[in-house]
N, C-alpha and C. Protein backbone atom coordinates (compact mmCIF):
# COMPACT_ATOMS: atom_id res chain seq x y z
N UNK A 1 -13.50 13.16 15.07
CA UNK A 1 -13.34 11.99 14.25
C UNK A 1 -11.89 11.50 14.33
N UNK A 2 -11.71 10.23 14.61
CA UNK A 2 -10.36 9.65 14.68
C UNK A 2 -9.87 9.29 13.28
N UNK A 3 -8.57 9.41 13.10
CA UNK A 3 -7.97 9.12 11.81
C UNK A 3 -7.09 7.87 11.93
N UNK A 4 -7.08 7.08 10.85
CA UNK A 4 -6.23 5.90 10.82
C UNK A 4 -5.75 5.68 9.40
N UNK A 5 -4.50 5.23 9.26
CA UNK A 5 -3.93 4.96 7.95
C UNK A 5 -3.37 3.53 7.95
N UNK A 6 -3.77 2.75 6.97
CA UNK A 6 -3.26 1.40 6.80
C UNK A 6 -2.16 1.43 5.74
N UNK A 7 -1.20 0.50 5.86
CA UNK A 7 -0.16 0.35 4.85
C UNK A 7 -0.26 -1.05 4.29
N UNK A 8 -0.32 -1.14 2.96
CA UNK A 8 -0.42 -2.44 2.28
C UNK A 8 0.55 -2.46 1.11
N UNK A 9 0.92 -3.64 0.68
CA UNK A 9 1.86 -3.78 -0.42
C UNK A 9 1.33 -3.22 -1.72
N UNK A 10 0.19 -3.74 -2.18
CA UNK A 10 -0.40 -3.29 -3.44
C UNK A 10 -1.89 -3.60 -3.39
N UNK A 11 -2.71 -2.59 -3.29
CA UNK A 11 -4.16 -2.79 -3.19
C UNK A 11 -4.77 -3.39 -4.44
N UNK A 12 -4.06 -3.36 -5.54
CA UNK A 12 -4.58 -3.96 -6.77
C UNK A 12 -4.56 -5.49 -6.71
N UNK A 13 -3.77 -6.05 -5.80
CA UNK A 13 -3.67 -7.50 -5.66
C UNK A 13 -4.86 -8.08 -4.90
N UNK A 14 -5.07 -9.37 -5.05
CA UNK A 14 -6.19 -10.04 -4.38
C UNK A 14 -5.72 -10.87 -3.19
N UNK A 15 -4.64 -10.47 -2.55
CA UNK A 15 -4.08 -11.24 -1.44
C UNK A 15 -4.81 -11.04 -0.13
N UNK A 16 -4.40 -11.81 0.86
CA UNK A 16 -5.03 -11.78 2.17
C UNK A 16 -4.86 -10.47 2.91
N UNK A 17 -3.68 -9.89 2.83
CA UNK A 17 -3.43 -8.62 3.50
C UNK A 17 -4.34 -7.53 2.94
N UNK A 18 -4.45 -7.49 1.63
CA UNK A 18 -5.30 -6.50 0.98
C UNK A 18 -6.77 -6.72 1.31
N UNK A 19 -7.18 -7.97 1.39
CA UNK A 19 -8.58 -8.30 1.72
C UNK A 19 -8.92 -7.86 3.15
N UNK A 20 -8.07 -8.23 4.10
CA UNK A 20 -8.32 -7.87 5.50
C UNK A 20 -8.27 -6.36 5.69
N UNK A 21 -7.32 -5.71 5.02
CA UNK A 21 -7.24 -4.25 5.10
C UNK A 21 -8.53 -3.61 4.60
N UNK A 22 -9.06 -4.11 3.49
CA UNK A 22 -10.30 -3.57 2.93
C UNK A 22 -11.48 -3.78 3.87
N UNK A 23 -11.59 -4.98 4.43
CA UNK A 23 -12.71 -5.29 5.33
C UNK A 23 -12.66 -4.42 6.59
N UNK A 24 -11.49 -4.33 7.21
CA UNK A 24 -11.36 -3.55 8.45
C UNK A 24 -11.56 -2.06 8.16
N UNK A 25 -10.99 -1.58 7.05
CA UNK A 25 -11.15 -0.16 6.70
C UNK A 25 -12.61 0.19 6.48
N UNK A 26 -13.34 -0.66 5.77
CA UNK A 26 -14.77 -0.41 5.54
C UNK A 26 -15.56 -0.38 6.84
N UNK A 27 -15.26 -1.28 7.76
CA UNK A 27 -15.96 -1.31 9.06
C UNK A 27 -15.64 -0.06 9.89
N UNK A 28 -14.38 0.39 9.84
CA UNK A 28 -14.02 1.59 10.60
C UNK A 28 -14.70 2.84 10.05
N UNK A 29 -14.90 2.91 8.75
CA UNK A 29 -15.63 4.04 8.16
C UNK A 29 -17.06 4.06 8.68
N UNK A 30 -17.67 2.88 8.81
CA UNK A 30 -19.03 2.79 9.36
C UNK A 30 -19.10 3.29 10.80
N UNK A 31 -17.96 3.19 11.53
CA UNK A 31 -17.91 3.66 12.92
C UNK A 31 -17.38 5.09 13.02
N UNK A 32 -17.44 5.82 11.89
CA UNK A 32 -17.10 7.24 11.84
C UNK A 32 -15.61 7.53 11.99
N UNK A 33 -14.74 6.67 11.46
CA UNK A 33 -13.31 6.93 11.41
C UNK A 33 -12.98 7.54 10.05
N UNK A 34 -11.95 8.36 10.03
CA UNK A 34 -11.41 8.90 8.79
C UNK A 34 -10.28 7.95 8.38
N UNK A 35 -10.49 7.15 7.32
CA UNK A 35 -9.57 6.08 6.97
C UNK A 35 -8.84 6.41 5.67
N UNK A 36 -7.52 6.15 5.70
CA UNK A 36 -6.67 6.26 4.52
C UNK A 36 -5.90 4.95 4.38
N UNK A 37 -5.56 4.62 3.13
CA UNK A 37 -4.74 3.43 2.89
C UNK A 37 -3.57 3.85 2.01
N UNK A 38 -2.36 3.56 2.49
CA UNK A 38 -1.14 3.83 1.73
C UNK A 38 -0.66 2.52 1.13
N UNK A 39 -0.65 2.47 -0.19
CA UNK A 39 -0.18 1.30 -0.90
C UNK A 39 1.27 1.55 -1.30
N UNK A 40 2.14 0.56 -1.10
CA UNK A 40 3.54 0.78 -1.45
C UNK A 40 3.71 0.99 -2.95
N UNK A 41 3.00 0.22 -3.76
CA UNK A 41 3.03 0.40 -5.22
C UNK A 41 1.62 0.31 -5.77
N UNK A 42 1.38 1.04 -6.83
CA UNK A 42 0.07 1.08 -7.49
C UNK A 42 -1.05 1.37 -6.50
N UNK A 43 -2.05 0.53 -6.44
CA UNK A 43 -3.15 0.72 -5.49
C UNK A 43 -4.22 1.68 -5.97
N UNK A 44 -4.14 2.13 -7.20
CA UNK A 44 -5.14 3.07 -7.71
C UNK A 44 -6.46 2.40 -8.07
N UNK A 45 -6.44 1.10 -8.30
CA UNK A 45 -7.64 0.34 -8.63
C UNK A 45 -7.74 -0.86 -7.68
N UNK A 46 -8.18 -0.64 -6.47
CA UNK A 46 -8.23 -1.73 -5.48
C UNK A 46 -9.04 -2.94 -5.96
N UNK A 47 -8.52 -4.13 -5.71
CA UNK A 47 -9.21 -5.36 -6.11
C UNK A 47 -10.51 -5.52 -5.32
N UNK A 48 -10.45 -5.22 -4.02
CA UNK A 48 -11.62 -5.34 -3.16
C UNK A 48 -12.34 -4.00 -3.05
N UNK A 49 -13.64 -4.04 -2.86
CA UNK A 49 -14.46 -2.84 -2.79
C UNK A 49 -14.13 -2.02 -1.54
N UNK A 50 -13.94 -0.73 -1.74
CA UNK A 50 -13.70 0.18 -0.62
C UNK A 50 -14.80 1.23 -0.58
N UNK A 51 -15.15 1.65 0.62
CA UNK A 51 -16.08 2.74 0.81
C UNK A 51 -15.54 3.98 0.10
N UNK A 52 -16.41 4.76 -0.49
CA UNK A 52 -15.98 5.94 -1.26
C UNK A 52 -15.27 6.99 -0.41
N UNK A 53 -15.48 6.98 0.89
CA UNK A 53 -14.84 7.98 1.73
C UNK A 53 -13.40 7.59 2.12
N UNK A 54 -12.98 6.38 1.78
CA UNK A 54 -11.61 5.93 2.07
C UNK A 54 -10.68 6.51 1.01
N UNK A 55 -9.67 7.22 1.48
CA UNK A 55 -8.69 7.80 0.57
C UNK A 55 -7.54 6.83 0.38
N UNK A 56 -7.11 6.63 -0.87
CA UNK A 56 -5.98 5.75 -1.16
C UNK A 56 -4.83 6.56 -1.73
N UNK A 57 -3.63 6.18 -1.33
CA UNK A 57 -2.41 6.83 -1.78
C UNK A 57 -1.42 5.76 -2.21
N UNK A 58 -0.49 6.13 -3.06
CA UNK A 58 0.53 5.20 -3.52
C UNK A 58 1.91 5.81 -3.29
N UNK A 59 2.80 5.04 -2.68
CA UNK A 59 4.15 5.53 -2.42
C UNK A 59 4.97 5.54 -3.71
N UNK A 60 4.85 4.47 -4.51
CA UNK A 60 5.54 4.37 -5.79
C UNK A 60 4.52 4.06 -6.87
N UNK A 61 4.62 4.70 -8.03
CA UNK A 61 3.63 4.47 -9.08
C UNK A 61 3.75 3.10 -9.74
N UNK A 62 4.95 2.50 -9.74
CA UNK A 62 5.14 1.22 -10.41
C UNK A 62 5.93 0.27 -9.54
N UNK A 63 5.66 -1.01 -9.70
CA UNK A 63 6.37 -2.03 -8.94
C UNK A 63 7.84 -2.12 -9.35
N UNK A 64 8.14 -1.84 -10.60
CA UNK A 64 9.50 -1.94 -11.11
C UNK A 64 10.46 -1.08 -10.29
N UNK A 65 10.05 0.14 -9.96
CA UNK A 65 10.92 1.04 -9.19
C UNK A 65 11.23 0.46 -7.82
N UNK A 66 10.23 -0.09 -7.17
CA UNK A 66 10.43 -0.65 -5.84
C UNK A 66 11.37 -1.83 -5.86
N UNK A 67 11.29 -2.66 -6.89
CA UNK A 67 12.15 -3.84 -6.98
C UNK A 67 13.59 -3.48 -7.33
N UNK A 68 13.78 -2.38 -8.04
CA UNK A 68 15.13 -1.99 -8.43
C UNK A 68 15.91 -1.29 -7.32
N UNK A 69 15.22 -0.76 -6.35
CA UNK A 69 15.90 -0.07 -5.25
C UNK A 69 15.40 -0.62 -3.93
N UNK A 70 16.24 -1.38 -3.27
CA UNK A 70 15.88 -1.98 -2.00
C UNK A 70 16.80 -1.42 -0.92
N UNK A 71 16.23 -1.05 0.19
CA UNK A 71 17.00 -0.50 1.28
C UNK A 71 17.53 -1.62 2.17
N UNK A 72 18.80 -1.58 2.44
CA UNK A 72 19.41 -2.52 3.38
C UNK A 72 19.88 -1.71 4.59
N UNK A 73 19.07 -1.64 5.64
CA UNK A 73 19.38 -0.76 6.78
C UNK A 73 20.73 -1.03 7.42
N UNK A 74 21.14 -2.28 7.49
CA UNK A 74 22.41 -2.55 8.17
C UNK A 74 23.61 -2.05 7.36
N UNK A 75 23.42 -1.86 6.05
CA UNK A 75 24.49 -1.29 5.24
C UNK A 75 24.39 0.22 5.18
N UNK A 76 23.21 0.75 5.54
CA UNK A 76 23.02 2.19 5.58
C UNK A 76 22.99 2.86 4.21
N UNK A 77 22.61 2.11 3.17
CA UNK A 77 22.56 2.72 1.84
C UNK A 77 21.55 1.96 0.98
N UNK A 78 21.27 2.52 -0.19
CA UNK A 78 20.40 1.86 -1.16
C UNK A 78 21.26 1.09 -2.15
N UNK A 79 20.78 -0.06 -2.54
CA UNK A 79 21.49 -0.87 -3.52
C UNK A 79 20.64 -0.91 -4.78
N UNK A 80 21.21 -0.55 -5.90
CA UNK A 80 20.49 -0.57 -7.16
C UNK A 80 20.67 -1.95 -7.79
N UNK A 81 19.63 -2.79 -7.72
CA UNK A 81 19.71 -4.16 -8.20
C UNK A 81 19.73 -4.27 -9.71
N UNK A 82 19.22 -3.28 -10.42
CA UNK A 82 19.16 -3.36 -11.88
C UNK A 82 20.56 -3.40 -12.48
N UNK A 83 21.55 -2.85 -11.83
CA UNK A 83 22.92 -2.88 -12.33
C UNK A 83 23.53 -4.28 -12.16
N UNK A 84 23.07 -5.01 -11.15
CA UNK A 84 23.68 -6.29 -10.81
C UNK A 84 22.94 -7.50 -11.35
N UNK A 85 21.78 -7.29 -11.96
CA UNK A 85 20.95 -8.42 -12.38
C UNK A 85 20.71 -8.40 -13.88
N UNK A 86 21.66 -8.81 -14.65
CA UNK A 86 21.50 -8.94 -16.11
C UNK A 86 22.28 -10.11 -16.61
């Protein structure tokens, strides 16, 4: 069985990326793939229906954390925006 993992912003949203990810993931499960979806934030309650065999994971539990720490690769460090935005 082949394995595949999709990455999406937030599976709880009803956006196009989440919709296409759900459709393709469901079709791949029908073709005997082992499918996982990694959501950057939340994703515990997907907006679109997923096959029960699709495993979902979340990188960050809340969107707030992701927005407060953004990586700027060319600076080579993390910038904490919450200190600068008040």
